[in-house]
Amino acid sequence: MRAMTREEERWAAVCARDAAFDGAFVFAVKTTGIFCRPSCGARRPLRRNVRFYESPAIAQLSGFRACKRCKPLEVSAKHARTAMVTRLCRLIEASEREPALSELASVAKLSPFHLQKVFKAETGLSPKQYALARRSERFKASLRSSRTVTEAVYESGFGSSSRAYERSSSKLGAPPRRFRSGDVHVRFTVAGCSLGRVLIGVTEKGLCAVSFGDSEAVLAQELSSRFRHVERDDEGLARFVRQVVAAIDRGARSTLPLDIRGTVFQHRVWQAIAKIPRGETRSYAAIAKAIDAPKSVRAVAQACGANPTAVVIPCHRVVASDGGLGGYRWGLDRKRRLLAGEAAGASRQVRSFGGSRRAP
């Protein structure tokens, strides 16, 4: 499938009156001398009369005047919503207790129902889920520095140990006491593949790390910075090496169990990425829409960058909306080679199927 060019994507946004693109660009109409937001409700102009500009200021310098209907010189509703939700996030993070939905709604001057809807559209989480995720992160940090688990429980804002254990075990990948004492045991090995050296880390539950690099020492040091107790085990991880290298070199699908830690939002992004078929790509915006958080494109990109298991969760298949590669934690050259290999493999498969149908 051919990726749309940047201008094609912008024209599609104008045709759809997509408010998600407000603030990203403006379009101007040569026959009227007016420039508008992508979401403007005015009659759609002919494509040949439309020009796109990065900002209202550039459009004005080019001789166009602002539309009186959509008022592109004013702060967009989208930016106002983003600023409001950001303010509420800071309020939740700073509060010692979880603010009630009604309190947040009062600050935002919205009904609780409307606030819940807007907050989830911007962050991918409800206010309650966001507060819980932040509290769990504080609990994880407190476990490393507090003298006891009980002390960490109350420092992070949980009302009781049972609530902390119930809410945090799945996020930590181990019971809190084990996490604090460093009993999470990670075995690792480093192997060669078509993209250089690859480190593979495994807990008792499953694969926790797949990362590329040029230096075994640097890869091992990075793993040690994430886990206290790591041990090299080349022979014991042979099965994991075979599957991971096959996924990298031949695009084979991994069936290995995973033990990866992340926020609720990150896990939703990773699950959506895992569904992208080999040989295909999706934009960051498409992933955001797939998880019901169309405003969270930047957060999706950050979740891709936080993916701890390269190729197994194929974040290399997520690209920019303009067809560019976007970013990649392990280098754009590796991303380019992975995509090229998968595209070539998919093409060979299609030709093979075609040949099978023509065979007698």
Protein backbone atom coordinates (compact mmCIF):
# COMPACT_ATOMS: atom_id res chain seq x y z
CA MET A 1 0.00 0.00 0.00
CA ARG A 2 1.48 3.38 -1.03
CA ALA A 3 1.87 5.87 1.80
CA MET A 4 0.17 9.23 1.23
CA THR A 5 2.41 12.21 0.60
CA ARG A 6 2.33 15.05 3.08
CA GLU A 7 0.15 17.20 0.78
CA GLU A 8 -2.25 14.31 0.14
CA GLU A 9 -2.63 13.73 3.86
CA ARG A 10 -3.29 17.42 4.46
CA TRP A 11 -5.87 17.56 1.68
CA ALA A 12 -7.57 14.47 3.15
CA ALA A 13 -7.68 16.25 6.52
CA VAL A 14 -9.29 19.31 4.92
CA CYS A 15 -11.87 17.15 3.11
CA ALA A 16 -12.70 15.40 6.40
CA ARG A 17 -12.65 18.70 8.36
CA ASP A 18 -10.41 16.84 10.82
CA ALA A 19 -9.89 19.01 13.92
CA ALA A 20 -6.99 16.77 14.97
CA PHE A 21 -4.88 18.66 12.39
CA ASP A 22 -5.81 22.14 13.67
CA GLY A 23 -2.57 23.86 14.65
CA ALA A 24 -0.48 21.54 12.46
CA PHE A 25 -1.03 23.65 9.32
CA VAL A 26 -3.45 26.03 7.62
CA PHE A 27 -4.74 25.97 4.06
CA ALA A 28 -5.25 29.00 1.83
CA VAL A 29 -7.55 29.42 -1.17
CA LYS A 30 -6.12 31.43 -4.07
CA THR A 31 -9.51 32.50 -5.47
CA THR A 32 -10.75 34.00 -2.19
CA GLY A 33 -7.46 35.13 -0.63
CA ILE A 34 -8.47 33.50 2.67
CA PHE A 35 -6.70 30.94 4.85
CA CYS A 36 -8.45 28.53 7.24
CA ARG A 37 -8.00 25.78 9.80
CA PRO A 38 -8.27 22.20 8.45
CA SER A 39 -11.57 21.83 10.38
CA CYS A 40 -13.20 24.91 8.86
CA GLY A 41 -16.86 24.30 8.03
CA ALA A 42 -16.92 26.56 4.99
CA ARG A 43 -17.63 25.16 1.52
CA ARG A 44 -14.80 22.93 0.31
CA PRO A 45 -12.61 24.66 -2.33
CA LEU A 46 -11.27 23.06 -5.49
CA ARG A 47 -7.99 21.24 -4.86
CA ARG A 48 -6.17 23.17 -7.59
CA ASN A 49 -6.86 26.45 -5.75
CA VAL A 50 -5.51 25.29 -2.38
CA ARG A 51 -2.10 25.99 -0.89
CA PHE A 52 -0.82 24.67 2.47
CA TYR A 53 1.22 26.68 4.99
CA GLU A 54 2.97 25.66 8.20
CA SER A 55 1.47 28.50 10.22
CA PRO A 56 -0.97 31.42 10.02
CA ALA A 57 1.97 33.84 10.04
CA ILE A 58 3.43 32.36 6.85
CA ALA A 59 0.02 32.44 5.19
CA GLN A 60 -0.33 36.13 6.08
CA LEU A 61 3.15 36.89 4.72
CA SER A 62 2.04 35.23 1.48
CA GLY A 63 -0.83 37.73 1.18
CA PHE A 64 -3.78 35.76 2.59
CA ARG A 65 -6.17 36.97 5.30
CA ALA A 66 -7.69 34.95 8.15
CA CYS A 67 -11.10 33.29 7.78
CA LYS A 68 -13.77 34.96 9.92
CA ARG A 69 -15.61 31.68 10.35
CA CYS A 70 -12.92 29.37 11.80
CA LYS A 71 -10.65 32.20 13.13
CA PRO A 72 -7.28 30.49 12.59
CA LEU A 73 -5.39 33.29 14.40
CA GLU A 74 -7.05 32.40 17.71
CA VAL A 75 -5.99 29.54 19.98
CA SER A 76 -7.67 26.42 18.61
CA ALA A 77 -10.15 24.45 20.66
CA LYS A 78 -7.81 21.46 20.33
CA HIS A 79 -4.89 23.35 21.89
CA ALA A 80 -7.16 24.70 24.61
CA ARG A 81 -8.30 21.15 25.47
CA THR A 82 -4.71 19.91 25.51
CA ALA A 83 -3.66 22.72 27.83
CA MET A 84 -6.62 22.03 30.13
CA VAL A 85 -5.90 18.30 30.35
CA THR A 86 -2.19 18.99 30.92
CA ARG A 87 -3.14 21.27 33.83
CA LEU A 88 -5.33 18.52 35.32
CA CYS A 89 -2.52 15.97 34.94
CA ARG A 90 -0.16 18.25 36.88
CA LEU A 91 -2.87 18.65 39.55
CA ILE A 92 -3.29 14.87 39.87
CA GLU A 93 0.48 14.37 40.10
CA ALA A 94 0.85 17.00 42.82
CA SER A 95 -2.06 15.78 44.98
CA GLU A 96 -1.33 13.56 47.97
CA ARG A 97 -4.72 11.87 47.48
CA GLU A 98 -6.57 11.02 44.30
CA PRO A 99 -8.79 13.99 43.34
CA ALA A 100 -12.45 13.10 42.82
CA LEU A 101 -13.81 13.37 39.29
CA SER A 102 -16.19 16.10 40.47
CA GLU A 103 -13.25 18.16 41.79
CA LEU A 104 -11.41 17.90 38.48
CA ALA A 105 -14.61 18.77 36.59
CA SER A 106 -15.01 21.89 38.73
CA VAL A 107 -11.47 23.03 37.92
CA ALA A 108 -12.05 22.40 34.20
CA LYS A 109 -15.52 24.01 34.28
CA LEU A 110 -16.99 20.93 32.58
CA SER A 111 -19.50 18.29 33.58
CA PRO A 112 -17.91 15.11 35.03
CA PHE A 113 -19.18 13.12 32.02
CA HIS A 114 -17.70 15.56 29.49
CA LEU A 115 -14.41 15.82 31.40
CA GLN A 116 -14.06 12.02 31.47
CA LYS A 117 -14.56 11.91 27.69
CA VAL A 118 -12.12 14.76 26.92
CA PHE A 119 -9.44 13.47 29.32
CA LYS A 120 -9.52 9.98 27.81
CA ALA A 121 -9.38 11.35 24.27
CA GLU A 122 -6.23 13.33 25.12
CA THR A 123 -4.35 10.79 27.25
CA GLY A 124 -5.85 7.40 26.43
CA LEU A 125 -6.73 6.97 30.12
CA SER A 126 -9.52 8.05 32.43
CA PRO A 127 -8.53 10.47 35.26
CA LYS A 128 -8.75 7.55 37.72
CA GLN A 129 -6.51 5.33 35.55
CA TYR A 130 -4.02 8.18 35.15
CA ALA A 131 -3.90 8.80 38.91
CA LEU A 132 -3.38 5.08 39.57
CA ALA A 133 -0.60 4.83 36.99
CA ARG A 134 1.23 7.82 38.52
CA ARG A 135 0.79 6.42 42.03
CA SER A 136 2.16 3.05 40.93
CA GLU A 137 5.19 4.79 39.43
CA ARG A 138 5.78 6.62 42.74
CA PHE A 139 5.42 3.32 44.58
CA LYS A 140 8.01 1.70 42.33
CA ALA A 141 10.43 4.59 42.95
CA SER A 142 9.76 4.51 46.71
CA LEU A 143 10.47 0.79 46.92
CA ARG A 144 14.06 1.47 45.87
CA SER A 145 14.68 4.15 48.49
CA SER A 146 12.41 3.35 51.47
CA ARG A 147 13.53 1.26 54.43
CA THR A 148 10.41 -0.94 54.32
CA VAL A 149 7.65 -1.82 51.87
CA THR A 150 5.08 -0.37 54.32
CA GLU A 151 6.91 2.95 54.27
CA ALA A 152 6.85 2.94 50.47
CA VAL A 153 3.11 2.18 50.48
CA TYR A 154 2.22 5.32 52.39
CA GLU A 155 4.83 7.54 50.74
CA SER A 156 3.28 6.78 47.35
CA GLY A 157 -0.28 7.52 48.47
CA PHE A 158 -1.82 4.04 48.79
CA GLY A 159 -4.14 3.74 51.77
CA SER A 160 -3.09 0.19 52.63
CA SER A 161 -0.61 -2.52 51.74
CA SER A 162 -3.33 -4.67 50.18
CA ARG A 163 -4.26 -1.91 47.71
CA ALA A 164 -0.61 -1.37 46.81
CA TYR A 165 -0.03 -5.08 46.22
CA GLU A 166 -3.27 -5.47 44.26
CA ARG A 167 -2.68 -2.46 42.02
CA SER A 168 1.09 -2.66 41.55
CA SER A 169 2.15 -6.29 41.16
CA SER A 170 1.10 -6.48 37.51
CA LYS A 171 2.92 -3.22 36.72
CA LEU A 172 6.14 -4.26 38.46
CA GLY A 173 6.22 -7.74 36.97
CA ALA A 174 6.89 -9.11 40.47
CA PRO A 175 5.46 -8.76 43.98
CA PRO A 176 6.58 -5.44 45.57
CA ARG A 177 8.82 -7.06 48.21
CA ARG A 178 10.65 -9.08 45.54
CA PHE A 179 11.01 -5.99 43.36
CA ARG A 180 12.47 -3.97 46.21
CA SER A 181 14.94 -6.63 47.33
CA GLY A 182 16.19 -7.18 43.79
CA ASP A 183 14.95 -10.77 43.59
CA VAL A 184 13.75 -10.31 40.00
CA HIS A 185 16.32 -12.50 38.32
CA VAL A 186 17.16 -11.75 34.69
CA ARG A 187 19.22 -14.13 32.60
CA PHE A 188 20.66 -12.72 29.39
CA THR A 189 22.77 -13.51 26.39
CA VAL A 190 24.14 -11.58 23.41
CA ALA A 191 23.99 -13.04 19.91
CA GLY A 192 24.77 -12.03 16.35
CA CYS A 193 22.09 -11.23 13.78
CA SER A 194 21.77 -9.40 10.47
CA LEU A 195 21.50 -6.06 12.31
CA GLY A 196 24.57 -6.46 14.54
CA ARG A 197 24.57 -7.63 18.15
CA VAL A 198 21.29 -8.31 19.94
CA LEU A 199 20.84 -8.71 23.70
CA ILE A 200 18.08 -11.03 24.89
CA GLY A 201 16.92 -10.84 28.53
CA VAL A 202 14.56 -13.31 30.18
CA THR A 203 12.88 -13.51 33.60
CA GLU A 204 11.15 -16.56 35.04
CA LYS A 205 7.96 -15.29 33.37
CA GLY A 206 9.31 -14.60 29.89
CA LEU A 207 11.16 -12.27 27.56
CA CYS A 208 11.83 -8.88 29.16
CA ALA A 209 14.44 -7.32 26.87
CA VAL A 210 15.51 -7.42 23.22
CA SER A 211 17.88 -4.61 22.28
CA PHE A 212 20.34 -3.90 19.47
CA GLY A 213 23.84 -2.49 19.79
CA ASP A 214 27.42 -2.66 18.58
CA SER A 215 29.03 -3.39 21.95
CA GLU A 216 28.19 -6.33 24.21
CA ALA A 217 29.52 -4.41 27.21
CA VAL A 218 27.23 -1.44 26.56
CA LEU A 219 24.21 -3.70 26.05
CA ALA A 220 24.91 -5.56 29.31
CA GLN A 221 25.40 -2.29 31.20
CA GLU A 222 22.07 -0.94 29.93
CA LEU A 223 20.31 -4.10 31.12
CA SER A 224 21.99 -3.82 34.54
CA SER A 225 20.70 -0.26 34.87
CA ARG A 226 17.13 -1.61 34.55
CA PHE A 227 17.44 -4.74 36.71
CA ARG A 228 19.52 -5.35 39.82
CA HIS A 229 20.14 -9.05 39.44
CA VAL A 230 21.37 -10.06 35.97
CA GLU A 231 23.34 -13.14 34.98
CA ARG A 232 24.71 -14.25 31.62
CA ASP A 233 23.38 -17.62 30.45
CA ASP A 234 24.32 -18.35 26.83
CA GLU A 235 23.46 -22.07 26.86
CA GLY A 236 20.20 -21.82 28.80
CA LEU A 237 18.71 -19.22 26.45
CA ALA A 238 19.38 -21.03 23.17
CA ARG A 239 15.63 -21.43 22.46
CA PHE A 240 15.04 -17.72 22.94
CA VAL A 241 18.00 -16.86 20.71
CA ARG A 242 16.70 -19.03 17.86
CA GLN A 243 13.25 -17.43 17.87
CA VAL A 244 14.43 -13.84 18.30
CA VAL A 245 17.09 -14.09 15.57
CA ALA A 246 14.54 -15.77 13.26
CA ALA A 247 12.16 -12.85 13.89
CA ILE A 248 14.92 -10.36 13.04
CA ASP A 249 16.50 -12.11 10.04
CA ARG A 250 13.48 -13.82 8.46
CA GLY A 251 10.47 -12.01 9.89
CA ALA A 252 9.30 -15.17 11.68
CA ARG A 253 6.55 -14.63 14.25
CA SER A 254 7.69 -15.10 17.84
CA THR A 255 5.66 -17.30 20.20
CA LEU A 256 7.82 -16.52 23.23
CA PRO A 257 6.09 -15.46 26.49
CA LEU A 258 6.64 -11.83 27.46
CA ASP A 259 7.33 -10.17 30.81
CA ILE A 260 7.40 -6.48 29.96
CA ARG A 261 6.67 -3.58 32.27
CA GLY A 262 4.97 -0.36 31.33
CA THR A 263 2.06 1.92 32.01
CA VAL A 264 -1.51 1.04 31.10
CA PHE A 265 -1.27 3.35 28.08
CA GLN A 266 2.04 1.83 26.90
CA HIS A 267 0.59 -1.67 27.04
CA ARG A 268 -2.38 -0.58 24.93
CA VAL A 269 -0.01 0.86 22.33
CA TRP A 270 2.19 -2.25 22.32
CA GLN A 271 -0.84 -4.52 21.89
CA ALA A 272 -1.99 -2.47 18.88
CA ILE A 273 1.51 -2.57 17.36
CA ALA A 274 1.67 -6.36 17.75
CA LYS A 275 -1.35 -6.63 15.41
CA ILE A 276 0.36 -4.91 12.45
CA PRO A 277 0.92 -7.60 9.78
CA ARG A 278 4.43 -8.26 8.51
CA GLY A 279 5.15 -6.21 5.39
CA GLU A 280 2.77 -3.42 6.41
CA THR A 281 3.15 -0.19 8.39
CA ARG A 282 0.87 2.09 10.38
CA SER A 283 1.30 5.75 11.25
CA TYR A 284 1.58 6.97 14.83
CA ALA A 285 -1.78 8.69 14.26
CA ALA A 286 -3.35 5.42 13.07
CA ILE A 287 -2.18 3.63 16.22
CA ALA A 288 -3.59 6.46 18.37
CA LYS A 289 -6.97 6.04 16.65
CA ALA A 290 -6.79 2.25 16.99
CA ILE A 291 -6.54 2.54 20.79
CA ASP A 292 -9.32 5.15 20.98
CA ALA A 293 -6.95 8.02 21.79
CA PRO A 294 -6.71 10.00 18.52
CA LYS A 295 -5.23 13.05 20.25
CA SER A 296 -2.36 11.10 21.77
CA VAL A 297 -0.05 10.80 18.74
CA ARG A 298 2.98 12.11 20.63
CA ALA A 299 2.32 9.74 23.54
CA VAL A 300 2.11 6.85 21.06
CA ALA A 301 5.53 7.81 19.67
CA GLN A 302 6.93 7.88 23.21
CA ALA A 303 5.45 4.44 23.93
CA CYS A 304 7.13 3.12 20.76
CA GLY A 305 10.44 4.51 22.03
CA ALA A 306 9.89 2.80 25.40
CA ASN A 307 9.27 -0.63 23.84
CA PRO A 308 11.75 -2.96 25.62
CA THR A 309 11.54 -5.84 23.12
CA ALA A 310 12.68 -4.81 19.64
CA VAL A 311 11.08 -6.69 16.70
CA VAL A 312 9.12 -9.03 19.03
CA ILE A 313 6.82 -6.03 19.52
CA PRO A 314 7.36 -4.61 16.01
CA CYS A 315 7.50 -0.88 16.74
CA HIS A 316 9.64 -0.52 13.59
CA ARG A 317 6.36 -0.88 11.64
CA VAL A 318 5.10 2.45 13.02
CA VAL A 319 6.07 5.39 10.80
CA ALA A 320 5.31 9.08 10.36
CA SER A 321 2.09 10.19 8.67
CA ASP A 322 4.04 11.80 5.81
CA GLY A 323 5.60 8.45 4.92
CA GLY A 324 8.90 9.21 6.68
CA LEU A 325 10.46 6.69 9.03
CA GLY A 326 9.83 8.70 12.18
CA GLY A 327 12.12 7.66 15.03
CA TYR A 328 13.59 4.38 16.21
CA ARG A 329 15.24 3.66 19.53
CA TRP A 330 17.88 1.44 17.94
CA GLY A 331 18.73 3.63 14.94
CA LEU A 332 16.95 4.55 11.71
CA ASP A 333 19.29 2.42 9.59
CA ARG A 334 18.10 -0.70 11.44
CA LYS A 335 14.47 0.40 11.06
CA ARG A 336 14.96 0.96 7.33
CA ARG A 337 16.57 -2.47 6.87
CA LEU A 338 13.86 -4.24 8.87
CA LEU A 339 11.07 -2.65 6.83
CA ALA A 340 12.84 -3.30 3.53
CA GLY A 341 13.35 -6.95 4.43
CA GLU A 342 9.72 -7.40 5.47
CA ALA A 343 8.41 -5.64 2.34
CA ALA A 344 10.58 -7.86 0.12
CA GLY A 345 9.42 -10.97 1.97
CA ALA A 346 5.76 -10.00 1.59
CA SER A 347 6.30 -9.36 -2.14
CA ARG A 348 7.89 -12.78 -2.61
CA GLN A 349 4.99 -14.40 -0.78
CA VAL A 350 2.43 -12.73 -3.04
CA ARG A 351 4.31 -13.87 -6.16
CA SER A 352 4.51 -17.37 -4.75
CA PHE A 353 0.76 -17.47 -4.14
CA GLY A 354 0.16 -16.15 -7.66
CA GLY A 355 2.37 -18.85 -9.12
CA SER A 356 0.52 -21.52 -7.13
CA ARG A 357 -2.77 -20.45 -8.59
CA ARG A 358 -1.42 -20.58 -12.12
CA ALA A 359 0.16 -24.01 -11.68
CA PRO A 360 -1.78 -26.96 -13.12
